[in-house]
Amino acid sequence: MTKLILLRITCPSRRVAEDIADASLETRLAASANIEGPVTSSYRWKGVIEQSFEFILWLKAPEVNWPKLEALVRKHHPYDVPAIVAMPLTHVSDDYAAWAAGNTES
């Protein structure tokens, strides 16, 4: 069975999140995407504490697609240092895992 990961990517706008989601689905690197937000984010940038509204993009994808997904996000994302993190999915229903494998290429 294909190991799946859940990627979490913060985006400056819904449009950026949608563009990355669409590109990841069109290239069959991710099986599905969800967009949440806006959320309030706090972070240090160039020595200053910043706050902004962002959107959270979640992607479910085969673990082996991580390098290609990271490259895709960097290509479409306007931030100098986009927050791209992934978590392994340790428990996935068999039918969802089969569906995800059938809708992605790794």
PDB file of N, CA and C in Angstrom:
ATOM      1  N   MET A   1       0.852  -1.189   0.000  1.00  0.00           N
ATOM      2  CA  MET A   1       0.000   0.000   0.000  1.00  0.00           C
ATOM      3  C   MET A   1       0.889   1.240   0.000  1.00  0.00           C
ATOM      4  N   THR A   2       0.505   2.237  -0.747  1.00  0.00           N
ATOM      5  CA  THR A   2       1.238   3.492  -0.843  1.00  0.00           C
ATOM      6  C   THR A   2       1.169   4.253   0.477  1.00  0.00           C
ATOM      7  N   LYS A   3       2.331   4.723   0.972  1.00  0.00           N
ATOM      8  CA  LYS A   3       2.339   5.565   2.160  1.00  0.00           C
ATOM      9  C   LYS A   3       1.898   6.964   1.770  1.00  0.00           C
ATOM     10  N   LEU A   4       0.976   7.524   2.547  1.00  0.00           N
ATOM     11  CA  LEU A   4       0.463   8.857   2.262  1.00  0.00           C
ATOM     12  C   LEU A   4       0.990   9.866   3.271  1.00  0.00           C
ATOM     13  N   ILE A   5       1.105  11.116   2.816  1.00  0.00           N
ATOM     14  CA  ILE A   5       1.458  12.223   3.688  1.00  0.00           C
ATOM     15  C   ILE A   5       0.389  13.303   3.573  1.00  0.00           C
ATOM     16  N   LEU A   6       0.335  14.141   4.594  1.00  0.00           N
ATOM     17  CA  LEU A   6      -0.551  15.293   4.612  1.00  0.00           C
ATOM     18  C   LEU A   6       0.333  16.531   4.635  1.00  0.00           C
ATOM     19  N   LEU A   7       0.289  17.307   3.571  1.00  0.00           N
ATOM     20  CA  LEU A   7       1.077  18.530   3.491  1.00  0.00           C
ATOM     21  C   LEU A   7       0.247  19.706   3.960  1.00  0.00           C
ATOM     22  N   ARG A   8       0.903  20.602   4.690  1.00  0.00           N
ATOM     23  CA  ARG A   8       0.264  21.829   5.176  1.00  0.00           C
ATOM     24  C   ARG A   8       1.095  22.990   4.644  1.00  0.00           C
ATOM     25  N   ILE A   9       0.452  23.862   3.887  1.00  0.00           N
ATOM     26  CA  ILE A   9       1.137  24.972   3.232  1.00  0.00           C
ATOM     27  C   ILE A   9       0.368  26.256   3.534  1.00  0.00           C
ATOM     28  N   THR A  10       1.042  27.247   4.107  1.00  0.00           N
ATOM     29  CA  THR A  10       0.377  28.530   4.331  1.00  0.00           C
ATOM     30  C   THR A  10       0.531  29.377   3.070  1.00  0.00           C
ATOM     31  N   CYS A  11      -0.552  30.051   2.714  1.00  0.00           N
ATOM     32  CA  CYS A  11      -0.592  30.842   1.476  1.00  0.00           C
ATOM     33  C   CYS A  11      -1.124  32.241   1.791  1.00  0.00           C
ATOM     34  N   PRO A  12      -0.634  33.258   1.066  1.00  0.00           N
ATOM     35  CA  PRO A  12      -1.056  34.635   1.341  1.00  0.00           C
ATOM     36  C   PRO A  12      -2.473  34.962   0.877  1.00  0.00           C
ATOM     37  N   SER A  13      -3.051  34.123   0.015  1.00  0.00           N
ATOM     38  CA  SER A  13      -4.399  34.398  -0.497  1.00  0.00           C
ATOM     39  C   SER A  13      -5.060  33.088  -0.905  1.00  0.00           C
ATOM     40  N   ARG A  14      -6.370  33.127  -1.010  1.00  0.00           N
ATOM     41  CA  ARG A  14      -7.116  31.960  -1.489  1.00  0.00           C
ATOM     42  C   ARG A  14      -6.695  31.626  -2.917  1.00  0.00           C
ATOM     43  N   ARG A  15      -6.453  32.654  -3.723  1.00  0.00           N
ATOM     44  CA  ARG A  15      -6.068  32.428  -5.122  1.00  0.00           C
ATOM     45  C   ARG A  15      -4.767  31.636  -5.226  1.00  0.00           C
ATOM     46  N   VAL A  16      -3.769  31.985  -4.418  1.00  0.00           N
ATOM     47  CA  VAL A  16      -2.500  31.248  -4.427  1.00  0.00           C
ATOM     48  C   VAL A  16      -2.737  29.804  -3.997  1.00  0.00           C
ATOM     49  N   ALA A  17      -3.524  29.604  -2.944  1.00  0.00           N
ATOM     50  CA  ALA A  17      -3.824  28.252  -2.475  1.00  0.00           C
ATOM     51  C   ALA A  17      -4.544  27.449  -3.563  1.00  0.00           C
ATOM     52  N   GLU A  18      -5.496  28.068  -4.237  1.00  0.00           N
ATOM     53  CA  GLU A  18      -6.226  27.390  -5.304  1.00  0.00           C
ATOM     54  C   GLU A  18      -5.310  27.039  -6.468  1.00  0.00           C
ATOM     55  N   ASP A  19      -4.422  27.949  -6.827  1.00  0.00           N
ATOM     56  CA  ASP A  19      -3.489  27.689  -7.935  1.00  0.00           C
ATOM     57  C   ASP A  19      -2.574  26.504  -7.631  1.00  0.00           C
ATOM     58  N   ILE A  20      -2.053  26.454  -6.410  1.00  0.00           N
ATOM     59  CA  ILE A  20      -1.185  25.342  -6.025  1.00  0.00           C
ATOM     60  C   ILE A  20      -1.984  24.048  -5.959  1.00  0.00           C
ATOM     61  N   ALA A  21      -3.186  24.117  -5.406  1.00  0.00           N
ATOM     62  CA  ALA A  21      -4.048  22.925  -5.336  1.00  0.00           C
ATOM     63  C   ALA A  21      -4.329  22.398  -6.737  1.00  0.00           C
ATOM     64  N   ASP A  22      -4.743  23.292  -7.632  1.00  0.00           N
ATOM     65  CA  ASP A  22      -5.058  22.873  -9.004  1.00  0.00           C
ATOM     66  C   ASP A  22      -3.848  22.253  -9.687  1.00  0.00           C
ATOM     67  N   ALA A  23      -2.689  22.873  -9.542  1.00  0.00           N
ATOM     68  CA  ALA A  23      -1.475  22.355 -10.183  1.00  0.00           C
ATOM     69  C   ALA A  23      -1.101  20.981  -9.626  1.00  0.00           C
ATOM     70  N   SER A  24      -1.257  20.799  -8.318  1.00  0.00           N
ATOM     71  CA  SER A  24      -0.894  19.502  -7.723  1.00  0.00           C
ATOM     72  C   SER A  24      -1.863  18.398  -8.148  1.00  0.00           C
ATOM     73  N   LEU A  25      -3.122  18.764  -8.361  1.00  0.00           N
ATOM     74  CA  LEU A  25      -4.105  17.777  -8.819  1.00  0.00           C
ATOM     75  C   LEU A  25      -3.952  17.496 -10.305  1.00  0.00           C
ATOM     76  N   GLU A  26      -3.725  18.535 -11.104  1.00  0.00           N
ATOM     77  CA  GLU A  26      -3.572  18.355 -12.550  1.00  0.00           C
ATOM     78  C   GLU A  26      -2.361  17.494 -12.893  1.00  0.00           C
ATOM     79  N   THR A  27      -1.295  17.624 -12.120  1.00  0.00           N
ATOM     80  CA  THR A  27      -0.091  16.824 -12.350  1.00  0.00           C
ATOM     81  C   THR A  27      -0.160  15.464 -11.670  1.00  0.00           C
ATOM     82  N   ARG A  28      -1.262  15.196 -10.958  1.00  0.00           N
ATOM     83  CA  ARG A  28      -1.497  13.931 -10.258  1.00  0.00           C
ATOM     84  C   ARG A  28      -0.457  13.664  -9.177  1.00  0.00           C
ATOM     85  N   LEU A  29       0.102  14.746  -8.609  1.00  0.00           N
ATOM     86  CA  LEU A  29       1.030  14.597  -7.491  1.00  0.00           C
ATOM     87  C   LEU A  29       0.281  14.456  -6.173  1.00  0.00           C
ATOM     88  N   ALA A  30      -0.903  15.050  -6.077  1.00  0.00           N
ATOM     89  CA  ALA A  30      -1.738  14.957  -4.888  1.00  0.00           C
ATOM     90  C   ALA A  30      -3.095  14.391  -5.281  1.00  0.00           C
ATOM     91  N   ALA A  31      -3.712  13.691  -4.340  1.00  0.00           N
ATOM     92  CA  ALA A  31      -5.020  13.090  -4.597  1.00  0.00           C
ATOM     93  C   ALA A  31      -6.149  14.060  -4.297  1.00  0.00           C
ATOM     94  N   SER A  32      -5.952  14.926  -3.296  1.00  0.00           N
ATOM     95  CA  SER A  32      -7.004  15.872  -2.949  1.00  0.00           C
ATOM     96  C   SER A  32      -6.406  17.067  -2.227  1.00  0.00           C
ATOM     97  N   ALA A  33      -7.215  18.128  -2.159  1.00  0.00           N
ATOM     98  CA  ALA A  33      -6.775  19.372  -1.525  1.00  0.00           C
ATOM     99  C   ALA A  33      -7.934  19.975  -0.748  1.00  0.00           C
ATOM    100  N   ASN A  34      -7.601  20.638   0.338  1.00  0.00           N
ATOM    101  CA  ASN A  34      -8.572  21.399   1.133  1.00  0.00           C
ATOM    102  C   ASN A  34      -7.957  22.760   1.420  1.00  0.00           C
ATOM    103  N   ILE A  35      -8.792  23.776   1.435  1.00  0.00           N
ATOM    104  CA  ILE A  35      -8.337  25.128   1.752  1.00  0.00           C
ATOM    105  C   ILE A  35      -9.150  25.644   2.926  1.00  0.00           C
ATOM    106  N   GLU A  36      -8.455  26.138   3.935  1.00  0.00           N
ATOM    107  CA  GLU A  36      -9.093  26.710   5.121  1.00  0.00           C
ATOM    108  C   GLU A  36      -8.635  28.155   5.275  1.00  0.00           C
ATOM    109  N   GLY A  37      -9.497  28.944   5.856  1.00  0.00           N
ATOM    110  CA  GLY A  37      -9.070  30.294   6.191  1.00  0.00           C
ATOM    111  C   GLY A  37     -10.083  31.326   5.759  1.00  0.00           C
ATOM    112  N   PRO A  38      -9.729  32.529   6.057  1.00  0.00           N
ATOM    113  CA  PRO A  38      -8.406  32.957   6.506  1.00  0.00           C
ATOM    114  C   PRO A  38      -8.168  32.644   7.977  1.00  0.00           C
ATOM    115  N   VAL A  39      -6.886  32.482   8.299  1.00  0.00           N
ATOM    116  CA  VAL A  39      -6.428  32.309   9.670  1.00  0.00           C
ATOM    117  C   VAL A  39      -5.441  33.431   9.969  1.00  0.00           C
ATOM    118  N   THR A  40      -5.264  33.736  11.239  1.00  0.00           N
ATOM    119  CA  THR A  40      -4.276  34.731  11.634  1.00  0.00           C
ATOM    120  C   THR A  40      -2.962  34.023  11.918  1.00  0.00           C
ATOM    121  N   SER A  41      -1.896  34.471  11.290  1.00  0.00           N
ATOM    122  CA  SER A  41      -0.575  33.897  11.497  1.00  0.00           C
ATOM    123  C   SER A  41       0.337  34.925  12.141  1.00  0.00           C
ATOM    124  N   SER A  42       1.153  34.469  13.084  1.00  0.00           N
ATOM    125  CA  SER A  42       2.167  35.309  13.717  1.00  0.00           C
ATOM    126  C   SER A  42       3.516  34.643  13.506  1.00  0.00           C
ATOM    127  N   TYR A  43       4.521  35.432  13.143  1.00  0.00           N
ATOM    128  CA  TYR A  43       5.838  34.878  12.847  1.00  0.00           C
ATOM    129  C   TYR A  43       6.879  35.992  12.879  1.00  0.00           C
ATOM    130  N   ARG A  44       8.128  35.599  12.993  1.00  0.00           N
ATOM    131  CA  ARG A  44       9.220  36.563  12.954  1.00  0.00           C
ATOM    132  C   ARG A  44       9.780  36.580  11.533  1.00  0.00           C
ATOM    133  N   TRP A  45       9.869  37.764  10.947  1.00  0.00           N
ATOM    134  CA  TRP A  45      10.435  37.904   9.610  1.00  0.00           C
ATOM    135  C   TRP A  45      11.399  39.086   9.619  1.00  0.00           C
ATOM    136  N   LYS A  46      12.655  38.789   9.307  1.00  0.00           N
ATOM    137  CA  LYS A  46      13.716  39.799   9.279  1.00  0.00           C
ATOM    138  C   LYS A  46      13.783  40.576  10.588  1.00  0.00           C
ATOM    139  N   GLY A  47      13.674  39.825  11.701  1.00  0.00           N
ATOM    140  CA  GLY A  47      13.832  40.403  13.029  1.00  0.00           C
ATOM    141  C   GLY A  47      12.611  41.088  13.603  1.00  0.00           C
ATOM    142  N   VAL A  48      11.503  41.072  12.889  1.00  0.00           N
ATOM    143  CA  VAL A  48      10.297  41.764  13.333  1.00  0.00           C
ATOM    144  C   VAL A  48       9.159  40.751  13.462  1.00  0.00           C
ATOM    145  N   ILE A  49       8.387  40.863  14.540  1.00  0.00           N
ATOM    146  CA  ILE A  49       7.203  40.025  14.692  1.00  0.00           C
ATOM    147  C   ILE A  49       6.114  40.558  13.759  1.00  0.00           C
ATOM    148  N   GLU A  50       5.629  39.691  12.903  1.00  0.00           N
ATOM    149  CA  GLU A  50       4.606  40.050  11.919  1.00  0.00           C
ATOM    150  C   GLU A  50       3.321  39.285  12.216  1.00  0.00           C
ATOM    151  N   GLN A  51       2.213  39.849  11.796  1.00  0.00           N
ATOM    152  CA  GLN A  51       0.932  39.151  11.806  1.00  0.00           C
ATOM    153  C   GLN A  51       0.267  39.394  10.465  1.00  0.00           C
ATOM    154  N   SER A  52      -0.361  38.349   9.958  1.00  0.00           N
ATOM    155  CA  SER A  52      -1.060  38.483   8.684  1.00  0.00           C
ATOM    156  C   SER A  52      -2.172  37.448   8.608  1.00  0.00           C
ATOM    157  N   PHE A  53      -3.062  37.658   7.667  1.00  0.00           N
ATOM    158  CA  PHE A  53      -4.088  36.670   7.367  1.00  0.00           C
ATOM    159  C   PHE A  53      -3.538  35.768   6.273  1.00  0.00           C
ATOM    160  N   GLU A  54      -3.708  34.476   6.444  1.00  0.00           N
ATOM    161  CA  GLU A  54      -3.250  33.503   5.460  1.00  0.00           C
ATOM    162  C   GLU A  54      -4.318  32.435   5.281  1.00  0.00           C
ATOM    163  N   PHE A  55      -4.128  31.638   4.258  1.00  0.00           N
ATOM    164  CA  PHE A  55      -4.983  30.487   3.994  1.00  0.00           C
ATOM    165  C   PHE A  55      -4.129  29.239   4.119  1.00  0.00           C
ATOM    166  N   ILE A  56      -4.730  28.186   4.662  1.00  0.00           N
ATOM    167  CA  ILE A  56      -4.033  26.919   4.844  1.00  0.00           C
ATOM    168  C   ILE A  56      -4.464  25.976   3.726  1.00  0.00           C
ATOM    169  N   LEU A  57      -3.482  25.496   2.980  1.00  0.00           N
ATOM    170  CA  LEU A  57      -3.720  24.497   1.941  1.00  0.00           C
ATOM    171  C   LEU A  57      -3.250  23.151   2.479  1.00  0.00           C
ATOM    172  N   TRP A  58      -4.137  22.182   2.451  1.00  0.00           N
ATOM    173  CA  TRP A  58      -3.822  20.813   2.852  1.00  0.00           C
ATOM    174  C   TRP A  58      -3.842  19.944   1.600  1.00  0.00           C
ATOM    175  N   LEU A  59      -2.802  19.151   1.404  1.00  0.00           N
ATOM    176  CA  LEU A  59      -2.746  18.208   0.285  1.00  0.00           C
ATOM    177  C   LEU A  59      -2.526  16.798   0.826  1.00  0.00           C
ATOM    178  N   LYS A  60      -3.242  15.814   0.288  1.00  0.00           N
ATOM    179  CA  LYS A  60      -2.998  14.411   0.592  1.00  0.00           C
ATOM    180  C   LYS A  60      -2.314  13.804  -0.616  1.00  0.00           C
ATOM    181  N   ALA A  61      -1.157  13.179  -0.367  1.00  0.00           N
ATOM    182  CA  ALA A  61      -0.343  12.707  -1.482  1.00  0.00           C
ATOM    183  C   ALA A  61       0.524  11.524  -1.080  1.00  0.00           C
ATOM    184  N   PRO A  62       0.982  10.746  -2.069  1.00  0.00           N
ATOM    185  CA  PRO A  62       1.951   9.690  -1.762  1.00  0.00           C
ATOM    186  C   PRO A  62       3.254  10.316  -1.252  1.00  0.00           C
ATOM    187  N   GLU A  63       3.836   9.675  -0.265  1.00  0.00           N
ATOM    188  CA  GLU A  63       5.075  10.181   0.326  1.00  0.00           C
ATOM    189  C   GLU A  63       6.177  10.368  -0.719  1.00  0.00           C
ATOM    190  N   VAL A  64       6.238   9.483  -1.700  1.00  0.00           N
ATOM    191  CA  VAL A  64       7.296   9.561  -2.710  1.00  0.00           C
ATOM    192  C   VAL A  64       7.177  10.819  -3.575  1.00  0.00           C
ATOM    193  N   ASN A  65       6.013  11.485  -3.542  1.00  0.00           N
ATOM    194  CA  ASN A  65       5.823  12.695  -4.353  1.00  0.00           C
ATOM    195  C   ASN A  65       6.306  13.964  -3.645  1.00  0.00           C
ATOM    196  N   TRP A  66       6.798  13.843  -2.399  1.00  0.00           N
ATOM    197  CA  TRP A  66       7.239  15.014  -1.646  1.00  0.00           C
ATOM    198  C   TRP A  66       8.201  15.906  -2.444  1.00  0.00           C
ATOM    199  N   PRO A  67       9.290  15.389  -3.026  1.00  0.00           N
ATOM    200  CA  PRO A  67      10.224  16.287  -3.728  1.00  0.00           C
ATOM    201  C   PRO A  67       9.564  17.067  -4.870  1.00  0.00           C
ATOM    202  N   LYS A  68       8.718  16.400  -5.628  1.00  0.00           N
ATOM    203  CA  LYS A  68       8.050  17.074  -6.745  1.00  0.00           C
ATOM    204  C   LYS A  68       7.029  18.095  -6.240  1.00  0.00           C
ATOM    205  N   LEU A  69       6.326  17.765  -5.161  1.00  0.00           N
ATOM    206  CA  LEU A  69       5.357  18.707  -4.596  1.00  0.00           C
ATOM    207  C   LEU A  69       6.061  19.923  -4.003  1.00  0.00           C
ATOM    208  N   GLU A  70       7.166  19.709  -3.322  1.00  0.00           N
ATOM    209  CA  GLU A  70       7.915  20.845  -2.782  1.00  0.00           C
ATOM    210  C   GLU A  70       8.353  21.772  -3.913  1.00  0.00           C
ATOM    211  N   ALA A  71       8.858  21.212  -5.008  1.00  0.00           N
ATOM    212  CA  ALA A  71       9.279  22.014  -6.156  1.00  0.00           C
ATOM    213  C   ALA A  71       8.089  22.750  -6.773  1.00  0.00           C
ATOM    214  N   LEU A  72       6.953  22.077  -6.899  1.00  0.00           N
ATOM    215  CA  LEU A  72       5.754  22.703  -7.457  1.00  0.00           C
ATOM    216  C   LEU A  72       5.299  23.883  -6.598  1.00  0.00           C
ATOM    217  N   VAL A  73       5.274  23.680  -5.279  1.00  0.00           N
ATOM    218  CA  VAL A  73       4.859  24.764  -4.385  1.00  0.00           C
ATOM    219  C   VAL A  73       5.809  25.946  -4.527  1.00  0.00           C
ATOM    220  N   ARG A  74       7.100  25.696  -4.508  1.00  0.00           N
ATOM    221  CA  ARG A  74       8.081  26.791  -4.628  1.00  0.00           C
ATOM    222  C   ARG A  74       7.915  27.549  -5.953  1.00  0.00           C
ATOM    223  N   LYS A  75       7.550  26.844  -7.004  1.00  0.00           N
ATOM    224  CA  LYS A  75       7.354  27.471  -8.315  1.00  0.00           C
ATOM    225  C   LYS A  75       6.159  28.434  -8.310  1.00  0.00           C
ATOM    226  N   HIS A  76       5.091  28.067  -7.594  1.00  0.00           N
ATOM    227  CA  HIS A  76       3.839  28.835  -7.623  1.00  0.00           C
ATOM    228  C   HIS A  76       3.649  29.780  -6.436  1.00  0.00           C
ATOM    229  N   HIS A  77       4.492  29.660  -5.415  1.00  0.00           N
ATOM    230  CA  HIS A  77       4.299  30.400  -4.166  1.00  0.00           C
ATOM    231  C   HIS A  77       5.099  31.697  -4.180  1.00  0.00           C
ATOM    232  N   PRO A  78       4.507  32.815  -3.775  1.00  0.00           N
ATOM    233  CA  PRO A  78       5.223  34.095  -3.816  1.00  0.00           C
ATOM    234  C   PRO A  78       6.181  34.345  -2.638  1.00  0.00           C
ATOM    235  N   TYR A  79       6.085  33.572  -1.558  1.00  0.00           N
ATOM    236  CA  TYR A  79       6.945  33.824  -0.396  1.00  0.00           C
ATOM    237  C   TYR A  79       8.392  33.412  -0.695  1.00  0.00           C
ATOM    238  N   ASP A  80       9.340  34.127  -0.101  1.00  0.00           N
ATOM    239  CA  ASP A  80      10.746  33.742  -0.181  1.00  0.00           C
ATOM    240  C   ASP A  80      10.977  32.406   0.521  1.00  0.00           C
ATOM    241  N   VAL A  81      10.294  32.214   1.646  1.00  0.00           N
ATOM    242  CA  VAL A  81      10.427  30.990   2.444  1.00  0.00           C
ATOM    243  C   VAL A  81       9.023  30.468   2.758  1.00  0.00           C
ATOM    244  N   PRO A  82       8.405  29.760   1.824  1.00  0.00           N
ATOM    245  CA  PRO A  82       7.069  29.242   2.106  1.00  0.00           C
ATOM    246  C   PRO A  82       7.114  28.149   3.172  1.00  0.00           C
ATOM    247  N   ALA A  83       6.102  28.121   4.019  1.00  0.00           N
ATOM    248  CA  ALA A  83       5.991  27.075   5.038  1.00  0.00           C
ATOM    249  C   ALA A  83       5.355  25.849   4.393  1.00  0.00           C
ATOM    250  N   ILE A  84       6.189  24.874   4.093  1.00  0.00           N
ATOM    251  CA  ILE A  84       5.740  23.625   3.486  1.00  0.00           C
ATOM    252  C   ILE A  84       6.154  22.521   4.448  1.00  0.00           C
ATOM    253  N   VAL A  85       5.196  21.911   5.120  1.00  0.00           N
ATOM    254  CA  VAL A  85       5.514  20.827   6.043  1.00  0.00           C
ATOM    255  C   VAL A  85       4.636  19.629   5.702  1.00  0.00           C
ATOM    256  N   ALA A  86       5.112  18.447   6.059  1.00  0.00           N
ATOM    257  CA  ALA A  86       4.341  17.237   5.785  1.00  0.00           C
ATOM    258  C   ALA A  86       4.383  16.317   6.985  1.00  0.00           C
ATOM    259  N   MET A  87       3.280  15.624   7.172  1.00  0.00           N
ATOM    260  CA  MET A  87       3.147  14.657   8.257  1.00  0.00           C
ATOM    261  C   MET A  87       2.780  13.309   7.653  1.00  0.00           C
ATOM    262  N   PRO A  88       3.386  12.242   8.147  1.00  0.00           N
ATOM    263  CA  PRO A  88       2.980  10.919   7.659  1.00  0.00           C
ATOM    264  C   PRO A  88       1.590  10.575   8.172  1.00  0.00           C
ATOM    265  N   LEU A  89       0.812   9.951   7.340  1.00  0.00           N
ATOM    266  CA  LEU A  89      -0.513   9.483   7.750  1.00  0.00           C
ATOM    267  C   LEU A  89      -0.361   8.035   8.205  1.00  0.00           C
ATOM    268  N   THR A  90      -0.451   7.832   9.496  1.00  0.00           N
ATOM    269  CA  THR A  90      -0.214   6.506  10.052  1.00  0.00           C
ATOM    270  C   THR A  90      -1.436   5.599   9.978  1.00  0.00           C
ATOM    271  N   HIS A  91      -2.610   6.201   9.877  1.00  0.00           N
ATOM    272  CA  HIS A  91      -3.846   5.415   9.793  1.00  0.00           C
ATOM    273  C   HIS A  91      -4.714   5.990   8.681  1.00  0.00           C
ATOM    274  N   VAL A  92      -4.961   5.182   7.668  1.00  0.00           N
ATOM    275  CA  VAL A  92      -5.784   5.584   6.530  1.00  0.00           C
ATOM    276  C   VAL A  92      -6.689   4.407   6.179  1.00  0.00           C
ATOM    277  N   SER A  93      -7.956   4.680   5.985  1.00  0.00           N
ATOM    278  CA  SER A  93      -8.859   3.579   5.618  1.00  0.00           C
ATOM    279  C   SER A  93      -8.409   2.970   4.293  1.00  0.00           C
ATOM    280  N   ASP A  94      -8.612   1.680   4.153  1.00  0.00           N
ATOM    281  CA  ASP A  94      -8.166   0.974   2.945  1.00  0.00           C
ATOM    282  C   ASP A  94      -8.787   1.542   1.682  1.00  0.00           C
ATOM    283  N   ASP A  95     -10.092   1.872   1.750  1.00  0.00           N
ATOM    284  CA  ASP A  95     -10.745   2.374   0.541  1.00  0.00           C
ATOM    285  C   ASP A  95     -10.236   3.765   0.162  1.00  0.00           C
ATOM    286  N   TYR A  96      -9.951   4.622   1.160  1.00  0.00           N
ATOM    287  CA  TYR A  96      -9.403   5.949   0.834  1.00  0.00           C
ATOM    288  C   TYR A  96      -7.987   5.816   0.281  1.00  0.00           C
ATOM    289  N   ALA A  97      -7.180   4.958   0.872  1.00  0.00           N
ATOM    290  CA  ALA A  97      -5.817   4.763   0.395  1.00  0.00           C
ATOM    291  C   ALA A  97      -5.824   4.251  -1.052  1.00  0.00           C
ATOM    292  N   ALA A  98      -6.729   3.347  -1.370  1.00  0.00           N
ATOM    293  CA  ALA A  98      -6.829   2.830  -2.737  1.00  0.00           C
ATOM    294  C   ALA A  98      -7.277   3.926  -3.687  1.00  0.00           C
ATOM    295  N   TRP A  99      -8.244   4.739  -3.251  1.00  0.00           N
ATOM    296  CA  TRP A  99      -8.709   5.857  -4.085  1.00  0.00           C
ATOM    297  C   TRP A  99      -7.569   6.838  -4.337  1.00  0.00           C
ATOM    298  N   ALA A 100      -6.824   7.189  -3.290  1.00  0.00           N
ATOM    299  CA  ALA A 100      -5.706   8.135  -3.439  1.00  0.00           C
ATOM    300  C   ALA A 100      -4.645   7.572  -4.389  1.00  0.00           C
ATOM    301  N   ALA A 101      -4.323   6.309  -4.243  1.00  0.00           N
ATOM    302  CA  ALA A 101      -3.327   5.694  -5.136  1.00  0.00           C
ATOM    303  C   ALA A 101      -3.808   5.700  -6.575  1.00  0.00           C
ATOM    304  N   GLY A 102      -5.095   5.488  -6.794  1.00  0.00           N
ATOM    305  CA  GLY A 102      -5.647   5.483  -8.141  1.00  0.00           C
ATOM    306  C   GLY A 102      -5.747   6.852  -8.790  1.00  0.00           C
ATOM    307  N   ASN A 103      -5.627   7.904  -7.979  1.00  0.00           N
ATOM    308  CA  ASN A 103      -5.758   9.259  -8.500  1.00  0.00           C
ATOM    309  C   ASN A 103      -4.469  10.060  -8.465  1.00  0.00           C
ATOM    310  N   THR A 104      -3.359   9.363  -8.238  1.00  0.00           N
ATOM    311  CA  THR A 104      -2.060  10.015  -8.253  1.00  0.00           C
ATOM    312  C   THR A 104      -1.071   9.161  -9.020  1.00  0.00           C
ATOM    313  N   GLU A 105       0.005   9.801  -9.422  1.00  0.00           N
ATOM    314  CA  GLU A 105       1.118   9.092 -10.040  1.00  0.00           C
ATOM    315  C   GLU A 105       2.332   9.338  -9.183  1.00  0.00           C
ATOM    316  N   SER A 106       3.039   8.297  -8.866  1.00  0.00           N
ATOM    317  CA  SER A 106       4.242   8.470  -8.046  1.00  0.00           C
ATOM    318  C   SER A 106       5.446   7.917  -8.754  1.00  0.00           C
TER     319      SER A 106
END
